[in-house]
Structures are given as C-alpha cells and as structure tokens.
Amino acid sequence: MKYASQKKKRYIYFTIKRLFDIICSLVGIIFLIPLTIVIKIAYICTGDFNSIFFRQVRLGKNGKIIKIFKYRTMVPNAEEILEKWLKENPEKREEYLKDRKIDKDPRITKLGNILRKSSLDEFPQFINILIGDMSLIGPRPVVPDEAENYGKRKMKFLSIRPGLTGYWASNGRNNISYKERIKMELYYIDHCSILLDIQIIFDTVFAVIKKDGAK
C-alpha cells in the first residue's frame, strides 16, 4: 500500500510538473522572439552572419537521443579549433574529456561569453521543454559518452526528463567538481518535489543575478 501511495504521489507530481512546464515554455518563447532578434543584430554588427542557433545531441529521459537548442556562443569553426587545441595540449585532453570545459576557451566569441555568463545561451531550450524533451527543472542533459560517468547509476540519472535548470545548476555549476555534481543530480531524482522545484527556481534566479558558477 505504501509503495502504491508513493507511486500515486509521484504520478500527480509529474503531471503537475508537465503542466507547469508547458505554461512556462509558452511564456518563455514569447520572450525568445525579441531576444533572438537582438542577438542576431548583435552578431551581424560583429561581422558574423552565421546562424545564431546551435543544436547539440544530448540524452533525454530513458536515454532517448534529443537535440537541445542553444544560442551559439562559439565561432563557426569551433570543432576545428578544439581539435587543434587538444593536439597542442595533450596533457589537458583527459581533463577536457572528463569535465567538458576549457579555461579561457578560445572558441567562445565575445558576445558568446556575455550570453554564457548571463545564462541567456540556454534560453532557446524553452522549445525543448514545450515539445516534451526537457523539463524546466531536472538534471542537466549530458552528451552520450558523459553519461558513463554515472556508472551503475546511469539509468537512474536518465529516469526523468533533463532540465533547463536543476539542483546542481542552481548551486554553483562550474564551481563544483564533477563527482559532487553527480551526487547532486542523483539527490534531486531521489527527492524531487514541488517544494524542492520552487526552491530551485529561486536559487536559479539568484545564481543568474550573481553569475554564480557561470563561464
């Protein structure tokens, strides 16, 4: 009976969560339109006429392959620059493959740096939320090979929709080790609730204002 009650509570929670996601994503997309126009004009002013959107392959719920939307923050030939950087810095290769980040990343544009620090580069993911690939709150989506860092807990990590923000994302992000990140993401999955989601929303707002952990 206790298991059935918990299952019912989680069903109600995830139903409310999905309705909230749809409402928030519709509101977010309204703001997305003028923001996209401003960012496009800003890129054109720098002489960059390439697409301002970037789609990246990530893992969704139950390991489903999804493509998340972002504003492009890197130069168009970012992959070539990364390959060259890894060849010139072989001692950093393992560190990059583990944490997926580079100090003073040469691929990031000046405008892209502003978008990242303000977290505006993630804004287009309201589209992913609306179509059901993501939730407003949940573990941040990872690239396929990155999920292996979770080991035996991989499927647990992939058991719910990834989020635009989450327990880890609102509490330090890049200031936290990957090992600690894993613990925080799994903690959320075990304890997710309406109250925790509300707390994460407020923590995210304060983190964005303070640019806490943003790179």
N, C-alpha and C. Protein backbone atom coordinates (compact mmCIF):
# COMPACT_ATOMS: atom_id res chain seq x y z
N MET A 1 0.82 -1.21 0.00
CA MET A 1 0.00 0.00 0.00
C MET A 1 0.86 1.26 0.00
N LYS A 2 1.96 1.22 0.80
CA LYS A 2 2.84 2.38 0.89
C LYS A 2 3.47 2.67 -0.46
N TYR A 3 3.90 1.60 -1.16
CA TYR A 3 4.51 1.75 -2.49
C TYR A 3 3.50 2.34 -3.48
N ALA A 4 2.25 1.85 -3.42
CA ALA A 4 1.20 2.34 -4.31
C ALA A 4 0.92 3.81 -4.06
N SER A 5 0.94 4.21 -2.76
CA SER A 5 0.70 5.60 -2.39
C SER A 5 1.82 6.50 -2.91
N GLN A 6 3.06 6.06 -2.78
CA GLN A 6 4.22 6.82 -3.26
C GLN A 6 4.18 6.96 -4.78
N LYS A 7 3.77 5.88 -5.44
CA LYS A 7 3.68 5.87 -6.90
C LYS A 7 2.62 6.87 -7.37
N LYS A 8 1.50 6.91 -6.64
CA LYS A 8 0.42 7.83 -6.98
C LYS A 8 0.87 9.28 -6.79
N LYS A 9 1.58 9.53 -5.69
CA LYS A 9 2.08 10.87 -5.41
C LYS A 9 3.05 11.35 -6.50
N ARG A 10 3.93 10.44 -6.94
CA ARG A 10 4.89 10.80 -7.98
C ARG A 10 4.17 11.05 -9.31
N TYR A 11 3.12 10.28 -9.58
CA TYR A 11 2.36 10.48 -10.81
C TYR A 11 1.70 11.87 -10.80
N ILE A 12 1.09 12.22 -9.65
CA ILE A 12 0.45 13.54 -9.52
C ILE A 12 1.50 14.65 -9.66
N TYR A 13 2.65 14.44 -9.01
CA TYR A 13 3.73 15.44 -9.06
C TYR A 13 4.20 15.66 -10.49
N PHE A 14 4.47 14.58 -11.22
CA PHE A 14 4.99 14.72 -12.59
C PHE A 14 3.92 15.26 -13.55
N THR A 15 2.64 15.01 -13.26
CA THR A 15 1.56 15.58 -14.08
C THR A 15 1.50 17.10 -13.89
N ILE A 16 1.55 17.54 -12.62
CA ILE A 16 1.57 18.98 -12.33
C ILE A 16 2.82 19.62 -12.92
N LYS A 17 3.93 18.92 -12.81
CA LYS A 17 5.21 19.42 -13.33
C LYS A 17 5.14 19.64 -14.84
N ARG A 18 4.50 18.71 -15.55
CA ARG A 18 4.40 18.84 -17.01
C ARG A 18 3.50 20.01 -17.39
N LEU A 19 2.40 20.20 -16.69
CA LEU A 19 1.52 21.33 -16.96
C LEU A 19 2.25 22.65 -16.72
N PHE A 20 3.03 22.69 -15.65
CA PHE A 20 3.81 23.88 -15.32
C PHE A 20 4.86 24.13 -16.41
N ASP A 21 5.46 23.06 -16.91
CA ASP A 21 6.46 23.16 -17.98
C ASP A 21 5.86 23.79 -19.24
N ILE A 22 4.67 23.35 -19.60
CA ILE A 22 4.01 23.86 -20.81
C ILE A 22 3.72 25.35 -20.67
N ILE A 23 3.19 25.75 -19.52
CA ILE A 23 2.88 27.17 -19.29
C ILE A 23 4.15 28.01 -19.34
N CYS A 24 5.19 27.56 -18.63
CA CYS A 24 6.45 28.32 -18.58
C CYS A 24 7.12 28.39 -19.95
N SER A 25 7.05 27.30 -20.71
CA SER A 25 7.70 27.29 -22.03
C SER A 25 7.00 28.24 -23.00
N LEU A 26 5.68 28.32 -22.92
CA LEU A 26 4.93 29.24 -23.78
C LEU A 26 5.28 30.70 -23.46
N VAL A 27 5.38 31.00 -22.17
CA VAL A 27 5.79 32.34 -21.75
C VAL A 27 7.23 32.62 -22.19
N GLY A 28 8.10 31.63 -22.00
CA GLY A 28 9.50 31.78 -22.38
C GLY A 28 9.68 32.03 -23.86
N ILE A 29 8.90 31.35 -24.68
CA ILE A 29 9.01 31.51 -26.14
C ILE A 29 8.56 32.90 -26.57
N ILE A 30 7.61 33.49 -25.85
CA ILE A 30 7.19 34.86 -26.16
C ILE A 30 8.38 35.82 -26.03
N PHE A 31 9.18 35.64 -24.97
CA PHE A 31 10.36 36.47 -24.76
C PHE A 31 11.51 36.06 -25.69
N LEU A 32 11.47 34.81 -26.14
CA LEU A 32 12.53 34.30 -27.01
C LEU A 32 12.58 35.03 -28.35
N ILE A 33 11.43 35.42 -28.86
CA ILE A 33 11.36 36.06 -30.18
C ILE A 33 12.12 37.39 -30.24
N PRO A 34 11.80 38.37 -29.36
CA PRO A 34 12.57 39.62 -29.41
C PRO A 34 14.04 39.44 -29.03
N LEU A 35 14.31 38.52 -28.10
CA LEU A 35 15.69 38.26 -27.69
C LEU A 35 16.51 37.74 -28.86
N THR A 36 15.91 36.87 -29.67
CA THR A 36 16.60 36.32 -30.84
C THR A 36 16.93 37.42 -31.85
N ILE A 37 16.01 38.34 -32.04
CA ILE A 37 16.24 39.45 -32.98
C ILE A 37 17.42 40.31 -32.51
N VAL A 38 17.45 40.62 -31.21
CA VAL A 38 18.54 41.44 -30.65
C VAL A 38 19.89 40.74 -30.80
N ILE A 39 19.94 39.45 -30.49
CA ILE A 39 21.19 38.71 -30.57
C ILE A 39 21.65 38.57 -32.02
N LYS A 40 20.72 38.37 -32.94
CA LYS A 40 21.06 38.28 -34.36
C LYS A 40 21.68 39.59 -34.84
N ILE A 41 21.08 40.71 -34.48
CA ILE A 41 21.61 42.02 -34.86
C ILE A 41 23.01 42.22 -34.27
N ALA A 42 23.18 41.81 -33.01
CA ALA A 42 24.48 41.96 -32.34
C ALA A 42 25.56 41.16 -33.06
N TYR A 43 25.24 39.95 -33.51
CA TYR A 43 26.22 39.13 -34.24
C TYR A 43 26.54 39.77 -35.60
N ILE A 44 25.51 40.26 -36.27
CA ILE A 44 25.72 40.90 -37.58
C ILE A 44 26.65 42.11 -37.43
N CYS A 45 26.48 42.85 -36.35
CA CYS A 45 27.33 44.03 -36.10
C CYS A 45 28.80 43.66 -35.91
N THR A 46 29.06 42.41 -35.53
CA THR A 46 30.45 41.96 -35.37
C THR A 46 30.98 41.32 -36.66
N GLY A 47 30.12 41.30 -37.69
CA GLY A 47 30.54 40.72 -38.96
C GLY A 47 30.28 39.23 -39.07
N ASP A 48 29.54 38.68 -38.12
CA ASP A 48 29.22 37.24 -38.10
C ASP A 48 27.80 37.06 -38.62
N PHE A 49 27.67 36.47 -39.83
CA PHE A 49 26.36 36.30 -40.45
C PHE A 49 25.87 34.84 -40.37
N ASN A 50 26.56 34.02 -39.60
CA ASN A 50 26.17 32.62 -39.46
C ASN A 50 24.96 32.48 -38.54
N SER A 51 24.35 31.31 -38.53
CA SER A 51 23.18 31.06 -37.69
C SER A 51 23.54 31.31 -36.22
N ILE A 52 22.61 31.92 -35.50
CA ILE A 52 22.88 32.17 -34.07
C ILE A 52 22.41 31.00 -33.22
N PHE A 53 21.76 30.02 -33.84
CA PHE A 53 21.31 28.86 -33.10
C PHE A 53 22.28 27.69 -33.25
N PHE A 54 22.31 26.87 -32.23
CA PHE A 54 23.19 25.71 -32.21
C PHE A 54 22.39 24.55 -31.61
N ARG A 55 22.44 23.40 -32.25
CA ARG A 55 21.75 22.22 -31.73
C ARG A 55 22.79 21.16 -31.37
N GLN A 56 22.65 20.65 -30.17
CA GLN A 56 23.62 19.67 -29.68
C GLN A 56 22.92 18.40 -29.24
N VAL A 57 23.51 17.26 -29.59
CA VAL A 57 22.96 15.96 -29.22
C VAL A 57 23.18 15.71 -27.73
N ARG A 58 22.13 15.39 -27.04
CA ARG A 58 22.19 15.06 -25.62
C ARG A 58 21.31 13.85 -25.35
N LEU A 59 21.33 13.35 -24.13
CA LEU A 59 20.48 12.23 -23.73
C LEU A 59 19.28 12.75 -22.95
N GLY A 60 18.10 12.29 -23.35
CA GLY A 60 16.88 12.66 -22.65
C GLY A 60 16.42 11.55 -21.72
N LYS A 61 15.15 11.57 -21.38
CA LYS A 61 14.58 10.56 -20.49
C LYS A 61 14.74 9.16 -21.07
N ASN A 62 15.16 8.22 -20.23
CA ASN A 62 15.38 6.83 -20.60
C ASN A 62 16.43 6.66 -21.70
N GLY A 63 17.33 7.64 -21.82
CA GLY A 63 18.43 7.53 -22.78
C GLY A 63 18.07 7.92 -24.19
N LYS A 64 16.88 8.48 -24.39
CA LYS A 64 16.46 8.92 -25.73
C LYS A 64 17.38 10.03 -26.23
N ILE A 65 17.80 9.93 -27.48
CA ILE A 65 18.63 10.96 -28.09
C ILE A 65 17.77 12.18 -28.41
N ILE A 66 18.17 13.33 -27.88
CA ILE A 66 17.47 14.57 -28.17
C ILE A 66 18.47 15.61 -28.66
N LYS A 67 17.97 16.64 -29.31
CA LYS A 67 18.83 17.74 -29.74
C LYS A 67 18.34 19.01 -29.07
N ILE A 68 19.18 19.54 -28.18
CA ILE A 68 18.77 20.73 -27.45
C ILE A 68 19.19 21.99 -28.20
N PHE A 69 18.36 23.02 -28.08
CA PHE A 69 18.62 24.30 -28.73
C PHE A 69 19.41 25.22 -27.80
N LYS A 70 20.35 25.93 -28.38
CA LYS A 70 21.10 26.96 -27.66
C LYS A 70 21.39 28.11 -28.61
N TYR A 71 21.66 29.28 -28.03
CA TYR A 71 22.24 30.33 -28.84
C TYR A 71 23.71 30.00 -29.02
N ARG A 72 24.20 30.16 -30.23
CA ARG A 72 25.62 29.86 -30.50
C ARG A 72 26.51 30.84 -29.75
N THR A 73 27.47 30.30 -29.01
CA THR A 73 28.40 31.14 -28.26
C THR A 73 29.84 30.98 -28.76
N MET A 74 30.02 30.10 -29.75
CA MET A 74 31.36 29.83 -30.26
C MET A 74 31.50 30.25 -31.72
N VAL A 75 32.73 30.33 -32.17
CA VAL A 75 32.99 30.65 -33.57
C VAL A 75 32.49 29.49 -34.44
N PRO A 76 32.16 29.73 -35.70
CA PRO A 76 31.61 28.68 -36.57
C PRO A 76 32.51 27.45 -36.71
N ASN A 77 33.83 27.65 -36.69
CA ASN A 77 34.77 26.51 -36.85
C ASN A 77 35.27 26.01 -35.50
N ALA A 78 34.38 25.98 -34.52
CA ALA A 78 34.74 25.61 -33.15
C ALA A 78 35.36 24.21 -33.05
N GLU A 79 34.84 23.24 -33.81
CA GLU A 79 35.34 21.87 -33.73
C GLU A 79 36.79 21.79 -34.21
N GLU A 80 37.12 22.54 -35.25
CA GLU A 80 38.50 22.55 -35.76
C GLU A 80 39.44 23.15 -34.72
N ILE A 81 39.00 24.23 -34.08
CA ILE A 81 39.81 24.88 -33.05
C ILE A 81 40.02 23.94 -31.86
N LEU A 82 38.95 23.20 -31.47
CA LEU A 82 39.05 22.26 -30.35
C LEU A 82 40.05 21.15 -30.67
N GLU A 83 39.95 20.61 -31.87
CA GLU A 83 40.86 19.53 -32.28
C GLU A 83 42.31 20.01 -32.24
N LYS A 84 42.54 21.22 -32.74
CA LYS A 84 43.89 21.79 -32.74
C LYS A 84 44.37 22.01 -31.31
N TRP A 85 43.48 22.51 -30.43
CA TRP A 85 43.85 22.78 -29.04
C TRP A 85 44.21 21.49 -28.31
N LEU A 86 43.45 20.42 -28.55
CA LEU A 86 43.72 19.14 -27.89
C LEU A 86 45.05 18.54 -28.35
N LYS A 87 45.41 18.77 -29.62
CA LYS A 87 46.69 18.29 -30.13
C LYS A 87 47.85 19.07 -29.53
N GLU A 88 47.65 20.36 -29.35
CA GLU A 88 48.70 21.22 -28.80
C GLU A 88 48.81 21.09 -27.28
N ASN A 89 47.74 20.59 -26.64
CA ASN A 89 47.73 20.44 -25.17
C ASN A 89 47.29 19.03 -24.77
N PRO A 90 48.09 18.02 -25.12
CA PRO A 90 47.70 16.63 -24.83
C PRO A 90 47.50 16.35 -23.34
N GLU A 91 48.21 17.12 -22.49
CA GLU A 91 48.07 16.92 -21.05
C GLU A 91 46.70 17.38 -20.54
N LYS A 92 46.03 18.20 -21.34
CA LYS A 92 44.71 18.70 -20.96
C LYS A 92 43.57 17.86 -21.55
N ARG A 93 43.91 16.93 -22.43
CA ARG A 93 42.90 16.16 -23.13
C ARG A 93 42.01 15.36 -22.17
N GLU A 94 42.67 14.63 -21.25
CA GLU A 94 41.91 13.80 -20.30
C GLU A 94 41.02 14.67 -19.41
N GLU A 95 41.55 15.83 -19.01
CA GLU A 95 40.79 16.75 -18.17
C GLU A 95 39.56 17.27 -18.91
N TYR A 96 39.74 17.57 -20.21
CA TYR A 96 38.62 18.06 -21.01
C TYR A 96 37.56 16.99 -21.18
N LEU A 97 37.98 15.76 -21.48
CA LEU A 97 37.04 14.67 -21.69
C LEU A 97 36.25 14.35 -20.43
N LYS A 98 36.84 14.65 -19.28
CA LYS A 98 36.18 14.39 -18.01
C LYS A 98 35.19 15.50 -17.66
N ASP A 99 35.63 16.77 -17.76
CA ASP A 99 34.82 17.89 -17.30
C ASP A 99 34.13 18.67 -18.42
N ARG A 100 34.54 18.43 -19.69
CA ARG A 100 33.94 19.09 -20.85
C ARG A 100 34.07 20.62 -20.79
N LYS A 101 35.18 21.10 -20.27
CA LYS A 101 35.38 22.55 -20.25
C LYS A 101 36.86 22.89 -20.36
N ILE A 102 37.12 24.09 -20.87
CA ILE A 102 38.48 24.59 -21.07
C ILE A 102 38.58 25.96 -20.45
N ASP A 103 39.61 26.19 -19.66
CA ASP A 103 39.83 27.52 -19.11
C ASP A 103 40.21 28.47 -20.24
N LYS A 104 39.58 29.65 -20.25
CA LYS A 104 39.82 30.65 -21.30
C LYS A 104 39.65 30.02 -22.68
N ASP A 105 38.51 29.41 -22.88
CA ASP A 105 38.20 28.68 -24.12
C ASP A 105 38.34 29.60 -25.34
N PRO A 106 39.27 29.28 -26.27
CA PRO A 106 39.50 30.13 -27.45
C PRO A 106 38.36 30.09 -28.47
N ARG A 107 37.42 29.16 -28.30
CA ARG A 107 36.33 29.03 -29.26
C ARG A 107 35.18 30.00 -29.00
N ILE A 108 35.12 30.54 -27.78
CA ILE A 108 33.99 31.37 -27.39
C ILE A 108 34.16 32.81 -27.89
N THR A 109 33.11 33.33 -28.51
CA THR A 109 33.13 34.71 -29.01
C THR A 109 32.91 35.68 -27.85
N LYS A 110 33.17 36.97 -28.08
CA LYS A 110 32.95 37.98 -27.03
C LYS A 110 31.48 38.04 -26.65
N LEU A 111 30.62 38.02 -27.67
CA LEU A 111 29.18 38.03 -27.41
C LEU A 111 28.77 36.72 -26.74
N GLY A 112 29.38 35.62 -27.18
CA GLY A 112 29.08 34.32 -26.58
C GLY A 112 29.44 34.27 -25.11
N ASN A 113 30.52 34.93 -24.74
CA ASN A 113 30.94 34.99 -23.34
C ASN A 113 29.89 35.70 -22.49
N ILE A 114 29.31 36.77 -23.05
CA ILE A 114 28.25 37.51 -22.35
C ILE A 114 27.01 36.63 -22.20
N LEU A 115 26.66 35.90 -23.27
CA LEU A 115 25.49 35.03 -23.24
C LEU A 115 25.65 33.92 -22.20
N ARG A 116 26.87 33.39 -22.09
CA ARG A 116 27.11 32.31 -21.13
C ARG A 116 27.05 32.82 -19.69
N LYS A 117 27.69 33.95 -19.44
CA LYS A 117 27.73 34.48 -18.08
C LYS A 117 26.34 34.89 -17.60
N SER A 118 25.50 35.29 -18.53
CA SER A 118 24.13 35.67 -18.17
C SER A 118 23.17 34.49 -18.27
N SER A 119 23.68 33.34 -18.75
CA SER A 119 22.89 32.11 -18.96
C SER A 119 21.83 32.26 -20.04
N LEU A 120 21.91 33.32 -20.83
CA LEU A 120 20.93 33.52 -21.90
C LEU A 120 21.12 32.52 -23.04
N ASP A 121 22.30 31.92 -23.13
CA ASP A 121 22.54 30.94 -24.21
C ASP A 121 21.63 29.73 -24.09
N GLU A 122 21.11 29.48 -22.88
CA GLU A 122 20.24 28.33 -22.64
C GLU A 122 18.77 28.63 -22.95
N PHE A 123 18.44 29.88 -23.17
CA PHE A 123 17.05 30.32 -23.31
C PHE A 123 16.26 29.55 -24.38
N PRO A 124 16.86 29.24 -25.55
CA PRO A 124 16.10 28.52 -26.58
C PRO A 124 15.61 27.13 -26.16
N GLN A 125 16.08 26.63 -25.02
CA GLN A 125 15.64 25.31 -24.58
C GLN A 125 14.19 25.31 -24.10
N PHE A 126 13.56 26.49 -24.06
CA PHE A 126 12.12 26.53 -23.80
C PHE A 126 11.38 25.79 -24.93
N ILE A 127 11.99 25.75 -26.11
CA ILE A 127 11.41 24.98 -27.23
C ILE A 127 11.45 23.50 -26.89
N ASN A 128 12.58 23.02 -26.36
CA ASN A 128 12.70 21.62 -25.96
C ASN A 128 11.72 21.25 -24.85
N ILE A 129 11.47 22.21 -23.95
CA ILE A 129 10.52 21.98 -22.87
C ILE A 129 9.11 21.84 -23.42
N LEU A 130 8.75 22.71 -24.35
CA LEU A 130 7.40 22.68 -24.92
C LEU A 130 7.11 21.37 -25.64
N ILE A 131 8.10 20.85 -26.39
CA ILE A 131 7.86 19.62 -27.14
C ILE A 131 8.03 18.36 -26.28
N GLY A 132 8.43 18.55 -25.02
CA GLY A 132 8.47 17.42 -24.10
C GLY A 132 9.79 16.70 -23.97
N ASP A 133 10.85 17.21 -24.59
CA ASP A 133 12.16 16.58 -24.47
C ASP A 133 12.83 16.92 -23.15
N MET A 134 12.44 18.08 -22.60
CA MET A 134 13.04 18.55 -21.36
C MET A 134 11.97 19.06 -20.41
N SER A 135 12.40 19.33 -19.19
CA SER A 135 11.54 19.94 -18.18
C SER A 135 12.19 21.26 -17.76
N LEU A 136 11.44 22.11 -17.09
CA LEU A 136 12.05 23.34 -16.60
C LEU A 136 13.11 23.01 -15.55
N ILE A 137 12.82 22.00 -14.73
CA ILE A 137 13.73 21.62 -13.65
C ILE A 137 14.03 20.13 -13.71
N GLY A 138 15.31 19.80 -13.62
CA GLY A 138 15.74 18.41 -13.67
C GLY A 138 17.25 18.35 -13.80
N PRO A 139 17.83 17.18 -13.87
CA PRO A 139 19.27 17.08 -14.08
C PRO A 139 19.63 17.69 -15.43
N ARG A 140 20.76 18.38 -15.53
CA ARG A 140 21.14 18.95 -16.81
C ARG A 140 21.46 17.83 -17.80
N PRO A 141 21.00 17.96 -19.07
CA PRO A 141 21.24 16.90 -20.06
C PRO A 141 22.72 16.79 -20.40
N VAL A 142 23.17 15.56 -20.63
CA VAL A 142 24.58 15.32 -20.93
C VAL A 142 24.73 14.70 -22.32
N VAL A 143 25.94 14.79 -22.88
CA VAL A 143 26.22 14.13 -24.15
C VAL A 143 26.33 12.64 -23.87
N PRO A 144 26.10 11.77 -24.86
CA PRO A 144 26.05 10.33 -24.64
C PRO A 144 27.20 9.72 -23.84
N ASP A 145 28.46 10.04 -24.21
CA ASP A 145 29.57 9.39 -23.51
C ASP A 145 29.77 9.93 -22.10
N GLU A 146 29.24 11.14 -21.82
CA GLU A 146 29.35 11.73 -20.49
C GLU A 146 28.51 10.98 -19.46
N ALA A 147 27.44 10.35 -19.92
CA ALA A 147 26.56 9.61 -19.01
C ALA A 147 27.27 8.42 -18.37
N GLU A 148 28.35 7.96 -19.00
CA GLU A 148 29.08 6.83 -18.45
C GLU A 148 29.73 7.18 -17.11
N ASN A 149 29.89 8.46 -16.82
CA ASN A 149 30.45 8.88 -15.53
C ASN A 149 29.56 8.46 -14.37
N TYR A 150 28.29 8.15 -14.66
CA TYR A 150 27.36 7.75 -13.60
C TYR A 150 27.43 6.25 -13.30
N GLY A 151 28.19 5.51 -14.11
CA GLY A 151 28.38 4.09 -13.86
C GLY A 151 27.07 3.32 -13.75
N LYS A 152 26.92 2.54 -12.66
CA LYS A 152 25.72 1.73 -12.46
C LYS A 152 24.47 2.59 -12.23
N ARG A 153 24.69 3.87 -11.93
CA ARG A 153 23.55 4.76 -11.66
C ARG A 153 23.11 5.52 -12.92
N LYS A 154 23.64 5.12 -14.04
CA LYS A 154 23.34 5.80 -15.31
C LYS A 154 21.85 5.82 -15.62
N MET A 155 21.18 4.68 -15.53
CA MET A 155 19.76 4.62 -15.87
C MET A 155 18.90 5.37 -14.85
N LYS A 156 19.36 5.42 -13.62
CA LYS A 156 18.66 6.22 -12.61
C LYS A 156 18.75 7.69 -13.00
N PHE A 157 19.93 8.12 -13.42
CA PHE A 157 20.13 9.51 -13.85
C PHE A 157 19.24 9.84 -15.04
N LEU A 158 19.02 8.86 -15.91
CA LEU A 158 18.23 9.08 -17.12
C LEU A 158 16.74 8.76 -16.93
N SER A 159 16.33 8.53 -15.69
CA SER A 159 14.95 8.07 -15.43
C SER A 159 13.91 9.20 -15.50
N ILE A 160 14.36 10.47 -15.48
CA ILE A 160 13.42 11.58 -15.60
C ILE A 160 13.91 12.55 -16.67
N ARG A 161 13.03 13.45 -17.10
CA ARG A 161 13.41 14.42 -18.12
C ARG A 161 14.53 15.34 -17.62
N PRO A 162 15.51 15.63 -18.45
CA PRO A 162 16.54 16.60 -18.06
C PRO A 162 15.93 17.99 -17.98
N GLY A 163 16.60 18.90 -17.26
CA GLY A 163 16.02 20.21 -17.04
C GLY A 163 16.83 21.38 -17.58
N LEU A 164 16.13 22.49 -17.77
CA LEU A 164 16.79 23.74 -18.15
C LEU A 164 17.67 24.22 -17.00
N THR A 165 17.18 24.01 -15.79
CA THR A 165 17.96 24.24 -14.58
C THR A 165 17.70 23.09 -13.63
N GLY A 166 18.44 23.04 -12.54
CA GLY A 166 18.26 21.93 -11.62
C GLY A 166 19.00 22.16 -10.32
N TYR A 167 19.06 21.13 -9.50
CA TYR A 167 19.68 21.24 -8.17
C TYR A 167 21.16 21.59 -8.29
N TRP A 168 21.87 20.92 -9.19
CA TRP A 168 23.28 21.24 -9.41
C TRP A 168 23.44 22.58 -10.11
N ALA A 169 22.67 22.80 -11.18
CA ALA A 169 22.80 24.01 -11.99
C ALA A 169 22.54 25.28 -11.19
N SER A 170 21.72 25.19 -10.14
CA SER A 170 21.38 26.37 -9.35
C SER A 170 22.28 26.53 -8.13
N ASN A 171 23.23 25.61 -7.97
CA ASN A 171 24.09 25.65 -6.78
C ASN A 171 25.58 25.56 -7.12
N GLY A 172 26.03 26.47 -7.96
CA GLY A 172 27.47 26.54 -8.19
C GLY A 172 27.96 26.15 -9.55
N ARG A 173 27.28 25.21 -10.21
CA ARG A 173 27.64 24.77 -11.56
C ARG A 173 29.14 24.50 -11.70
N ASN A 174 29.84 25.34 -12.45
CA ASN A 174 31.25 25.10 -12.75
C ASN A 174 32.18 25.22 -11.55
N ASN A 175 31.67 25.72 -10.43
CA ASN A 175 32.49 25.82 -9.22
C ASN A 175 32.50 24.50 -8.44
N ILE A 176 31.75 23.51 -8.92
CA ILE A 176 31.61 22.24 -8.23
C ILE A 176 32.26 21.13 -9.04
N SER A 177 32.94 20.20 -8.36
CA SER A 177 33.60 19.09 -9.05
C SER A 177 32.56 18.19 -9.71
N TYR A 178 32.99 17.45 -10.73
CA TYR A 178 32.04 16.58 -11.43
C TYR A 178 31.52 15.48 -10.50
N LYS A 179 32.37 15.01 -9.60
CA LYS A 179 31.95 13.97 -8.66
C LYS A 179 30.83 14.48 -7.77
N GLU A 180 30.95 15.74 -7.33
CA GLU A 180 29.92 16.34 -6.49
C GLU A 180 28.67 16.62 -7.31
N ARG A 181 28.87 16.98 -8.58
CA ARG A 181 27.73 17.21 -9.47
C ARG A 181 26.87 15.96 -9.58
N ILE A 182 27.51 14.81 -9.75
CA ILE A 182 26.79 13.54 -9.87
C ILE A 182 25.92 13.30 -8.63
N LYS A 183 26.50 13.54 -7.45
CA LYS A 183 25.76 13.35 -6.20
C LYS A 183 24.54 14.27 -6.14
N MET A 184 24.72 15.51 -6.60
CA MET A 184 23.63 16.48 -6.53
C MET A 184 22.51 16.14 -7.51
N GLU A 185 22.88 15.70 -8.71
CA GLU A 185 21.86 15.34 -9.70
C GLU A 185 21.05 14.13 -9.22
N LEU A 186 21.73 13.15 -8.64
CA LEU A 186 21.04 11.96 -8.14
C LEU A 186 20.20 12.27 -6.90
N TYR A 187 20.68 13.22 -6.09
CA TYR A 187 19.90 13.65 -4.92
C TYR A 187 18.56 14.21 -5.37
N TYR A 188 18.58 15.02 -6.43
CA TYR A 188 17.34 15.61 -6.92
C TYR A 188 16.36 14.53 -7.36
N ILE A 189 16.85 13.53 -8.08
CA ILE A 189 15.98 12.46 -8.58
C ILE A 189 15.31 11.73 -7.42
N ASP A 190 16.05 11.55 -6.32
CA ASP A 190 15.50 10.85 -5.15
C ASP A 190 14.53 11.72 -4.35
N HIS A 191 14.69 13.03 -4.40
CA HIS A 191 13.93 13.92 -3.53
C HIS A 191 13.07 14.95 -4.27
N CYS A 192 12.93 14.81 -5.59
CA CYS A 192 12.20 15.81 -6.36
C CYS A 192 10.76 15.97 -5.83
N SER A 193 10.34 17.23 -5.72
CA SER A 193 9.02 17.56 -5.20
C SER A 193 8.69 18.98 -5.64
N ILE A 194 7.45 19.38 -5.45
CA ILE A 194 7.04 20.74 -5.81
C ILE A 194 7.81 21.76 -4.99
N LEU A 195 7.98 21.50 -3.69
CA LEU A 195 8.70 22.44 -2.83
C LEU A 195 10.16 22.57 -3.23
N LEU A 196 10.79 21.44 -3.56
CA LEU A 196 12.20 21.49 -3.99
C LEU A 196 12.32 22.22 -5.32
N ASP A 197 11.36 22.02 -6.21
CA ASP A 197 11.38 22.71 -7.50
C ASP A 197 11.25 24.22 -7.32
N ILE A 198 10.38 24.64 -6.40
CA ILE A 198 10.22 26.08 -6.12
C ILE A 198 11.53 26.65 -5.58
N GLN A 199 12.17 25.90 -4.68
CA GLN A 199 13.45 26.34 -4.13
C GLN A 199 14.49 26.50 -5.23
N ILE A 200 14.52 25.54 -6.16
CA ILE A 200 15.49 25.58 -7.25
C ILE A 200 15.25 26.78 -8.16
N ILE A 201 13.98 27.11 -8.40
CA ILE A 201 13.66 28.28 -9.23
C ILE A 201 14.24 29.55 -8.61
N PHE A 202 14.02 29.73 -7.29
CA PHE A 202 14.55 30.91 -6.61
C PHE A 202 16.09 30.89 -6.59
N ASP A 203 16.67 29.72 -6.33
CA ASP A 203 18.14 29.60 -6.31
C ASP A 203 18.73 29.92 -7.68
N THR A 204 18.01 29.52 -8.74
CA THR A 204 18.48 29.78 -10.10
C THR A 204 18.48 31.27 -10.40
N VAL A 205 17.42 31.95 -10.00
CA VAL A 205 17.32 33.40 -10.22
C VAL A 205 18.47 34.12 -9.53
N PHE A 206 18.74 33.75 -8.27
CA PHE A 206 19.84 34.39 -7.53
C PHE A 206 21.20 34.03 -8.14
N ALA A 207 21.35 32.79 -8.61
CA ALA A 207 22.61 32.37 -9.21
C ALA A 207 22.89 33.13 -10.50
N VAL A 208 21.83 33.36 -11.30
CA VAL A 208 21.99 34.11 -12.56
C VAL A 208 22.35 35.56 -12.27
N ILE A 209 21.68 36.16 -11.27
CA ILE A 209 21.96 37.54 -10.90
C ILE A 209 23.41 37.69 -10.42
N LYS A 210 23.87 36.73 -9.62
CA LYS A 210 25.24 36.78 -9.10
C LYS A 210 26.25 36.22 -10.07
N LYS A 211 25.74 35.59 -11.19
CA LYS A 211 26.60 34.91 -12.16
C LYS A 211 27.41 33.83 -11.45
N ASP A 212 26.77 33.15 -10.52
CA ASP A 212 27.42 32.12 -9.71
C ASP A 212 27.72 30.89 -10.54
N GLY A 213 29.01 30.60 -10.70
CA GLY A 213 29.43 29.40 -11.42
C GLY A 213 29.33 29.50 -12.91
N ALA A 214 28.95 30.64 -13.46
CA ALA A 214 28.81 30.80 -14.91
C ALA A 214 30.15 31.00 -15.56
N LYS A 215 30.31 30.36 -16.75
CA LYS A 215 31.56 30.50 -17.53
C LYS A 215 31.20 30.59 -18.98
